[in-house]
PDB file of N, CA and C in Angstrom:
ATOM      1  N   MET A   1     106.494 -86.430   7.947  1.00  0.00           N
ATOM      2  CA  MET A   1     106.192 -86.422   9.362  1.00  0.00           C
ATOM      3  C   MET A   1     106.701 -87.726   9.980  1.00  0.00           C
ATOM      4  N   PRO A   2     107.428 -87.657  11.108  1.00  0.00           N
ATOM      5  CA  PRO A   2     107.976 -88.885  11.693  1.00  0.00           C
ATOM      6  C   PRO A   2     106.885 -89.767  12.298  1.00  0.00           C
ATOM      7  N   LYS A   3     107.171 -91.051  12.322  1.00  0.00           N
ATOM      8  CA  LYS A   3     106.223 -92.001  12.887  1.00  0.00           C
ATOM      9  C   LYS A   3     106.363 -92.008  14.405  1.00  0.00           C
ATOM     10  N   ARG A   4     105.234 -92.085  15.087  1.00  0.00           N
ATOM     11  CA  ARG A   4     105.260 -92.120  16.545  1.00  0.00           C
ATOM     12  C   ARG A   4     105.757 -93.479  17.024  1.00  0.00           C
ATOM     13  N   ILE A   5     106.489 -93.497  18.120  1.00  0.00           N
ATOM     14  CA  ILE A   5     106.948 -94.724  18.748  1.00  0.00           C
ATOM     15  C   ILE A   5     106.495 -94.692  20.199  1.00  0.00           C
ATOM     16  N   LEU A   6     105.806 -95.756  20.638  1.00  0.00           N
ATOM     17  CA  LEU A   6     105.320 -95.857  22.008  1.00  0.00           C
ATOM     18  C   LEU A   6     105.886 -97.120  22.647  1.00  0.00           C
ATOM     19  N   GLN A   7     105.932 -97.122  23.980  1.00  0.00           N
ATOM     20  CA  GLN A   7     106.414 -98.291  24.705  1.00  0.00           C
ATOM     21  C   GLN A   7     105.316 -98.773  25.633  1.00  0.00           C
ATOM     22  N   GLY A   8     105.141-100.097  25.701  1.00  0.00           N
ATOM     23  CA  GLY A   8     104.095-100.642  26.550  1.00  0.00           C
ATOM     24  C   GLY A   8     104.319-102.106  26.848  1.00  0.00           C
ATOM     25  N   VAL A   9     103.315-102.717  27.485  1.00  0.00           N
ATOM     26  CA  VAL A   9     103.395-104.110  27.919  1.00  0.00           C
ATOM     27  C   VAL A   9     102.360-104.924  27.147  1.00  0.00           C
ATOM     28  N   VAL A  10     102.771-106.088  26.670  1.00  0.00           N
ATOM     29  CA  VAL A  10     101.860-106.975  25.940  1.00  0.00           C
ATOM     30  C   VAL A  10     100.853-107.563  26.927  1.00  0.00           C
ATOM     31  N   THR A  11      99.554-107.404  26.624  1.00  0.00           N
ATOM     32  CA  THR A  11      98.512-107.948  27.495  1.00  0.00           C
ATOM     33  C   THR A  11      97.816-109.155  26.881  1.00  0.00           C
ATOM     34  N   SER A  12      97.958-109.346  25.557  1.00  0.00           N
ATOM     35  CA  SER A  12      97.317-110.481  24.894  1.00  0.00           C
ATOM     36  C   SER A  12      98.067-110.818  23.619  1.00  0.00           C
ATOM     37  N   ASN A  13      98.182-112.126  23.341  1.00  0.00           N
ATOM     38  CA  ASN A  13      98.765-112.577  22.081  1.00  0.00           C
ATOM     39  C   ASN A  13      97.944-113.725  21.509  1.00  0.00           C
ATOM     40  N   GLN A  14      96.638-113.682  21.721  1.00  0.00           N
ATOM     41  CA  GLN A  14      95.748-114.766  21.311  1.00  0.00           C
ATOM     42  C   GLN A  14      95.570-114.856  19.803  1.00  0.00           C
ATOM     43  N   ASN A  15      95.593-113.723  19.108  1.00  0.00           N
ATOM     44  CA  ASN A  15      95.361-113.731  17.670  1.00  0.00           C
ATOM     45  C   ASN A  15      96.656-113.958  16.902  1.00  0.00           C
ATOM     46  N   ALA A  16      96.550-114.524  15.725  1.00  0.00           N
ATOM     47  CA  ALA A  16      97.717-114.786  14.891  1.00  0.00           C
ATOM     48  C   ALA A  16      98.328-113.471  14.422  1.00  0.00           C
ATOM     49  N   GLN A  17      99.625-113.321  14.585  1.00  0.00           N
ATOM     50  CA  GLN A  17     100.408-112.165  14.154  1.00  0.00           C
ATOM     51  C   GLN A  17      99.916-110.849  14.747  1.00  0.00           C
ATOM     52  N   THR A  18      99.268-110.911  15.900  1.00  0.00           N
ATOM     53  CA  THR A  18      98.753-109.695  16.533  1.00  0.00           C
ATOM     54  C   THR A  18      98.995-109.754  18.038  1.00  0.00           C
ATOM     55  N   VAL A  19      99.422-108.634  18.599  1.00  0.00           N
ATOM     56  CA  VAL A  19      99.521-108.515  20.052  1.00  0.00           C
ATOM     57  C   VAL A  19      98.759-107.270  20.482  1.00  0.00           C
ATOM     58  N   THR A  20      98.213-107.321  21.677  1.00  0.00           N
ATOM     59  CA  THR A  20      97.568-106.154  22.267  1.00  0.00           C
ATOM     60  C   THR A  20      98.546-105.556  23.261  1.00  0.00           C
ATOM     61  N   VAL A  21      98.831-104.262  23.104  1.00  0.00           N
ATOM     62  CA  VAL A  21      99.841-103.594  23.923  1.00  0.00           C
ATOM     63  C   VAL A  21      99.164-102.500  24.748  1.00  0.00           C
ATOM     64  N   LEU A  22      99.399-102.521  26.060  1.00  0.00           N
ATOM     65  CA  LEU A  22      98.863-101.512  26.958  1.00  0.00           C
ATOM     66  C   LEU A  22      99.922-100.435  27.154  1.00  0.00           C
ATOM     67  N   VAL A  23      99.602 -99.209  26.723  1.00  0.00           N
ATOM     68  CA  VAL A  23     100.536 -98.083  26.839  1.00  0.00           C
ATOM     69  C   VAL A  23      99.991 -97.139  27.902  1.00  0.00           C
ATOM     70  N   GLU A  24     100.844 -96.829  28.879  1.00  0.00           N
ATOM     71  CA  GLU A  24     100.430 -95.944  29.971  1.00  0.00           C
ATOM     72  C   GLU A  24     101.198 -94.642  29.876  1.00  0.00           C
ATOM     73  N   ARG A  25     100.477 -93.539  30.047  1.00  0.00           N
ATOM     74  CA  ARG A  25     101.145 -92.247  30.061  1.00  0.00           C
ATOM     75  C   ARG A  25     100.800 -91.523  31.350  1.00  0.00           C
ATOM     76  N   ARG A  26     101.741 -90.732  31.850  1.00  0.00           N
ATOM     77  CA  ARG A  26     101.552 -89.977  33.083  1.00  0.00           C
ATOM     78  C   ARG A  26     101.735 -88.492  32.786  1.00  0.00           C
ATOM     79  N   PHE A  27     100.882 -87.686  33.397  1.00  0.00           N
ATOM     80  CA  PHE A  27     100.995 -86.249  33.221  1.00  0.00           C
ATOM     81  C   PHE A  27     100.401 -85.556  34.437  1.00  0.00           C
ATOM     82  N   LYS A  28     100.759 -84.315  34.623  1.00  0.00           N
ATOM     83  CA  LYS A  28     100.189 -83.538  35.724  1.00  0.00           C
ATOM     84  C   LYS A  28      98.875 -82.910  35.291  1.00  0.00           C
ATOM     85  N   HIS A  29      97.881 -82.976  36.149  1.00  0.00           N
ATOM     86  CA  HIS A  29      96.600 -82.339  35.879  1.00  0.00           C
ATOM     87  C   HIS A  29      96.831 -80.825  35.837  1.00  0.00           C
ATOM     88  N   PRO A  30      96.288 -80.145  34.815  1.00  0.00           N
ATOM     89  CA  PRO A  30      96.584 -78.715  34.669  1.00  0.00           C
ATOM     90  C   PRO A  30      96.129 -77.837  35.835  1.00  0.00           C
ATOM     91  N   LEU A  31      95.037 -78.199  36.486  1.00  0.00           N
ATOM     92  CA  LEU A  31      94.521 -77.364  37.571  1.00  0.00           C
ATOM     93  C   LEU A  31      94.922 -77.910  38.939  1.00  0.00           C
ATOM     94  N   LEU A  32      94.759 -79.207  39.147  1.00  0.00           N
ATOM     95  CA  LEU A  32      95.002 -79.797  40.460  1.00  0.00           C
ATOM     96  C   LEU A  32      96.460 -80.157  40.707  1.00  0.00           C
ATOM     97  N   GLN A  33      97.276 -80.182  39.654  1.00  0.00           N
ATOM     98  CA  GLN A  33      98.693 -80.512  39.748  1.00  0.00           C
ATOM     99  C   GLN A  33      98.947 -81.916  40.317  1.00  0.00           C
ATOM    100  N   LYS A  34      97.969 -82.778  40.191  1.00  0.00           N
ATOM    101  CA  LYS A  34      98.117 -84.165  40.631  1.00  0.00           C
ATOM    102  C   LYS A  34      98.586 -85.002  39.442  1.00  0.00           C
ATOM    103  N   THR A  35      99.440 -85.986  39.688  1.00  0.00           N
ATOM    104  CA  THR A  35      99.884 -86.869  38.617  1.00  0.00           C
ATOM    105  C   THR A  35      98.755 -87.816  38.246  1.00  0.00           C
ATOM    106  N   VAL A  36      98.405 -87.830  36.966  1.00  0.00           N
ATOM    107  CA  VAL A  36      97.306 -88.661  36.468  1.00  0.00           C
ATOM    108  C   VAL A  36      97.886 -89.751  35.581  1.00  0.00           C
ATOM    109  N   ARG A  37      97.377 -90.990  35.733  1.00  0.00           N
ATOM    110  CA  ARG A  37      97.807 -92.110  34.893  1.00  0.00           C
ATOM    111  C   ARG A  37      96.679 -92.461  33.935  1.00  0.00           C
ATOM    112  N   LYS A  38      96.965 -92.417  32.649  1.00  0.00           N
ATOM    113  CA  LYS A  38      95.993 -92.819  31.633  1.00  0.00           C
ATOM    114  C   LYS A  38      96.603 -93.947  30.840  1.00  0.00           C
ATOM    115  N   SER A  39      95.758 -94.916  30.478  1.00  0.00           N
ATOM    116  CA  SER A  39      96.267 -96.030  29.685  1.00  0.00           C
ATOM    117  C   SER A  39      95.357 -96.267  28.490  1.00  0.00           C
ATOM    118  N   LYS A  40      95.950 -96.838  27.457  1.00  0.00           N
ATOM    119  CA  LYS A  40      95.209 -97.138  26.242  1.00  0.00           C
ATOM    120  C   LYS A  40      95.790 -98.397  25.632  1.00  0.00           C
ATOM    121  N   LYS A  41      94.924 -99.204  25.022  1.00  0.00           N
ATOM    122  CA  LYS A  41      95.371-100.437  24.385  1.00  0.00           C
ATOM    123  C   LYS A  41      95.460-100.244  22.876  1.00  0.00           C
ATOM    124  N   TYR A  42      96.542-100.742  22.307  1.00  0.00           N
ATOM    125  CA  TYR A  42      96.744-100.703  20.865  1.00  0.00           C
ATOM    126  C   TYR A  42      96.943-102.129  20.375  1.00  0.00           C
ATOM    127  N   ARG A  43      96.413-102.428  19.191  1.00  0.00           N
ATOM    128  CA  ARG A  43      96.653-103.724  18.557  1.00  0.00           C
ATOM    129  C   ARG A  43      97.780-103.530  17.553  1.00  0.00           C
ATOM    130  N   ALA A  44      98.824-104.361  17.675  1.00  0.00           N
ATOM    131  CA  ALA A  44     100.023-104.191  16.859  1.00  0.00           C
ATOM    132  C   ALA A  44     100.340-105.478  16.107  1.00  0.00           C
ATOM    133  N   HIS A  45     100.943-105.314  14.946  1.00  0.00           N
ATOM    134  CA  HIS A  45     101.312-106.439  14.092  1.00  0.00           C
ATOM    135  C   HIS A  45     102.617-107.055  14.590  1.00  0.00           C
ATOM    136  N   ASP A  46     102.593-108.370  14.831  1.00  0.00           N
ATOM    137  CA  ASP A  46     103.765-109.124  15.281  1.00  0.00           C
ATOM    138  C   ASP A  46     103.983-110.258  14.286  1.00  0.00           C
ATOM    139  N   GLU A  47     104.815-110.012  13.287  1.00  0.00           N
ATOM    140  CA  GLU A  47     104.978-110.927  12.145  1.00  0.00           C
ATOM    141  C   GLU A  47     105.344-112.347  12.559  1.00  0.00           C
ATOM    142  N   ALA A  48     106.280-112.488  13.508  1.00  0.00           N
ATOM    143  CA  ALA A  48     106.816-113.818  13.845  1.00  0.00           C
ATOM    144  C   ALA A  48     106.163-114.439  15.076  1.00  0.00           C
ATOM    145  N   ASN A  49     105.147-113.821  15.638  1.00  0.00           N
ATOM    146  CA  ASN A  49     104.512-114.312  16.868  1.00  0.00           C
ATOM    147  C   ASN A  49     105.539-114.561  17.960  1.00  0.00           C
ATOM    148  N   GLN A  50     106.471-113.630  18.151  1.00  0.00           N
ATOM    149  CA  GLN A  50     107.571-113.852  19.076  1.00  0.00           C
ATOM    150  C   GLN A  50     107.375-113.234  20.451  1.00  0.00           C
ATOM    151  N   PHE A  51     106.341-112.410  20.636  1.00  0.00           N
ATOM    152  CA  PHE A  51     106.158-111.738  21.921  1.00  0.00           C
ATOM    153  C   PHE A  51     105.052-112.407  22.729  1.00  0.00           C
ATOM    154  N   ASN A  52     105.268-112.494  24.047  1.00  0.00           N
ATOM    155  CA  ASN A  52     104.320-113.141  24.948  1.00  0.00           C
ATOM    156  C   ASN A  52     103.773-112.126  25.938  1.00  0.00           C
ATOM    157  N   VAL A  53     102.744-112.524  26.674  1.00  0.00           N
ATOM    158  CA  VAL A  53     102.119-111.653  27.666  1.00  0.00           C
ATOM    159  C   VAL A  53     103.157-111.267  28.719  1.00  0.00           C
ATOM    160  N   GLY A  54     103.213-109.979  29.027  1.00  0.00           N
ATOM    161  CA  GLY A  54     104.146-109.480  30.028  1.00  0.00           C
ATOM    162  C   GLY A  54     105.409-108.878  29.455  1.00  0.00           C
ATOM    163  N   ASP A  55     105.679-109.084  28.169  1.00  0.00           N
ATOM    164  CA  ASP A  55     106.877-108.525  27.540  1.00  0.00           C
ATOM    165  C   ASP A  55     106.716-107.016  27.360  1.00  0.00           C
ATOM    166  N   THR A  56     107.801-106.280  27.556  1.00  0.00           N
ATOM    167  CA  THR A  56     107.810-104.852  27.273  1.00  0.00           C
ATOM    168  C   THR A  56     108.274-104.665  25.840  1.00  0.00           C
ATOM    169  N   VAL A  57     107.473-103.967  25.039  1.00  0.00           N
ATOM    170  CA  VAL A  57     107.771-103.813  23.619  1.00  0.00           C
ATOM    171  C   VAL A  57     107.628-102.352  23.211  1.00  0.00           C
ATOM    172  N   ARG A  58     108.197-102.021  22.051  1.00  0.00           N
ATOM    173  CA  ARG A  58     108.023-100.716  21.441  1.00  0.00           C
ATOM    174  C   ARG A  58     107.215-100.911  20.170  1.00  0.00           C
ATOM    175  N   ILE A  59     106.248-100.021  19.945  1.00  0.00           N
ATOM    176  CA  ILE A  59     105.412-100.112  18.750  1.00  0.00           C
ATOM    177  C   ILE A  59     105.546 -98.817  17.953  1.00  0.00           C
ATOM    178  N   GLN A  60     105.383 -98.946  16.639  1.00  0.00           N
ATOM    179  CA  GLN A  60     105.552 -97.815  15.727  1.00  0.00           C
ATOM    180  C   GLN A  60     104.357 -97.737  14.802  1.00  0.00           C
ATOM    181  N   GLU A  61     103.945 -96.519  14.485  1.00  0.00           N
ATOM    182  CA  GLU A  61     102.846 -96.302  13.544  1.00  0.00           C
ATOM    183  C   GLU A  61     103.181 -96.908  12.192  1.00  0.00           C
ATOM    184  N   CYS A  62     102.147 -97.385  11.496  1.00  0.00           N
ATOM    185  CA  CYS A  62     102.348 -97.897  10.139  1.00  0.00           C
ATOM    186  C   CYS A  62     101.040 -97.735   9.368  1.00  0.00           C
ATOM    187  N   ALA A  63     101.083 -98.083   8.108  1.00  0.00           N
ATOM    188  CA  ALA A  63      99.868 -98.073   7.299  1.00  0.00           C
ATOM    189  C   ALA A  63      98.924 -99.145   7.829  1.00  0.00           C
ATOM    190  N   PRO A  64      97.619 -98.991   7.665  1.00  0.00           N
ATOM    191  CA  PRO A  64      96.680 -99.974   8.199  1.00  0.00           C
ATOM    192  C   PRO A  64      96.940-101.386   7.663  1.00  0.00           C
ATOM    193  N   LYS A  65      97.054-102.347   8.600  1.00  0.00           N
ATOM    194  CA  LYS A  65      97.276-103.743   8.229  1.00  0.00           C
ATOM    195  C   LYS A  65      95.949-104.509   8.235  1.00  0.00           C
ATOM    196  N   SER A  66      94.985-104.041   9.018  1.00  0.00           N
ATOM    197  CA  SER A  66      93.664-104.658   9.068  1.00  0.00           C
ATOM    198  C   SER A  66      92.692-103.612   9.612  1.00  0.00           C
ATOM    199  N   LYS A  67      91.504-104.056   9.969  1.00  0.00           N
ATOM    200  CA  LYS A  67      90.481-103.123  10.460  1.00  0.00           C
ATOM    201  C   LYS A  67      90.930-102.412  11.739  1.00  0.00           C
ATOM    202  N   THR A  68      91.645-103.103  12.603  1.00  0.00           N
ATOM    203  CA  THR A  68      92.019-102.522  13.894  1.00  0.00           C
ATOM    204  C   THR A  68      93.506-102.269  14.057  1.00  0.00           C
ATOM    205  N   LYS A  69      94.352-102.799  13.205  1.00  0.00           N
ATOM    206  CA  LYS A  69      95.807-102.695  13.382  1.00  0.00           C
ATOM    207  C   LYS A  69      96.387-101.535  12.567  1.00  0.00           C
ATOM    208  N   ARG A  70      96.972-100.582  13.285  1.00  0.00           N
ATOM    209  CA  ARG A  70      97.675 -99.468  12.655  1.00  0.00           C
ATOM    210  C   ARG A  70      99.067 -99.293  13.247  1.00  0.00           C
ATOM    211  N   TRP A  71      99.526-100.268  13.994  1.00  0.00           N
ATOM    212  CA  TRP A  71     100.826-100.229  14.663  1.00  0.00           C
ATOM    213  C   TRP A  71     101.555-101.535  14.382  1.00  0.00           C
ATOM    214  N   GLU A  72     102.893-101.499  14.458  1.00  0.00           N
ATOM    215  CA  GLU A  72     103.688-102.711  14.327  1.00  0.00           C
ATOM    216  C   GLU A  72     104.760-102.710  15.401  1.00  0.00           C
ATOM    217  N   VAL A  73     105.102-103.910  15.877  1.00  0.00           N
ATOM    218  CA  VAL A  73     106.105-104.061  16.909  1.00  0.00           C
ATOM    219  C   VAL A  73     107.474-103.911  16.266  1.00  0.00           C
ATOM    220  N   ILE A  74     108.350-103.122  16.909  1.00  0.00           N
ATOM    221  CA  ILE A  74     109.713-102.992  16.406  1.00  0.00           C
ATOM    222  C   ILE A  74     110.651-103.640  17.428  1.00  0.00           C
ATOM    223  N   ALA A  75     111.765-104.162  16.956  1.00  0.00           N
ATOM    224  CA  ALA A  75     112.706-104.873  17.821  1.00  0.00           C
ATOM    225  C   ALA A  75     113.292-103.921  18.855  1.00  0.00           C
ATOM    226  N   ASN A  76     113.419-104.404  20.083  1.00  0.00           N
ATOM    227  CA  ASN A  76     113.970-103.588  21.165  1.00  0.00           C
ATOM    228  C   ASN A  76     115.474-103.568  21.103  1.00  0.00           C
TER     229      ASN A  76
END
């Protein structure tokens, strides 16, 4: 099964080798046909601590790295 890849914006890089990425998705409501924006935060592994707040990054599923990290940042 292929690994999912998402794109989002870094909102925090306070922890060592970890960034918090806000991923937003848009879809039409099935009944009202209005465009709905939903967002979710993912904690991703950043080996070199190279990403800062505001950067647009792509993250990919991986094996669990810690209690909360199941994603890793891939080079754009």
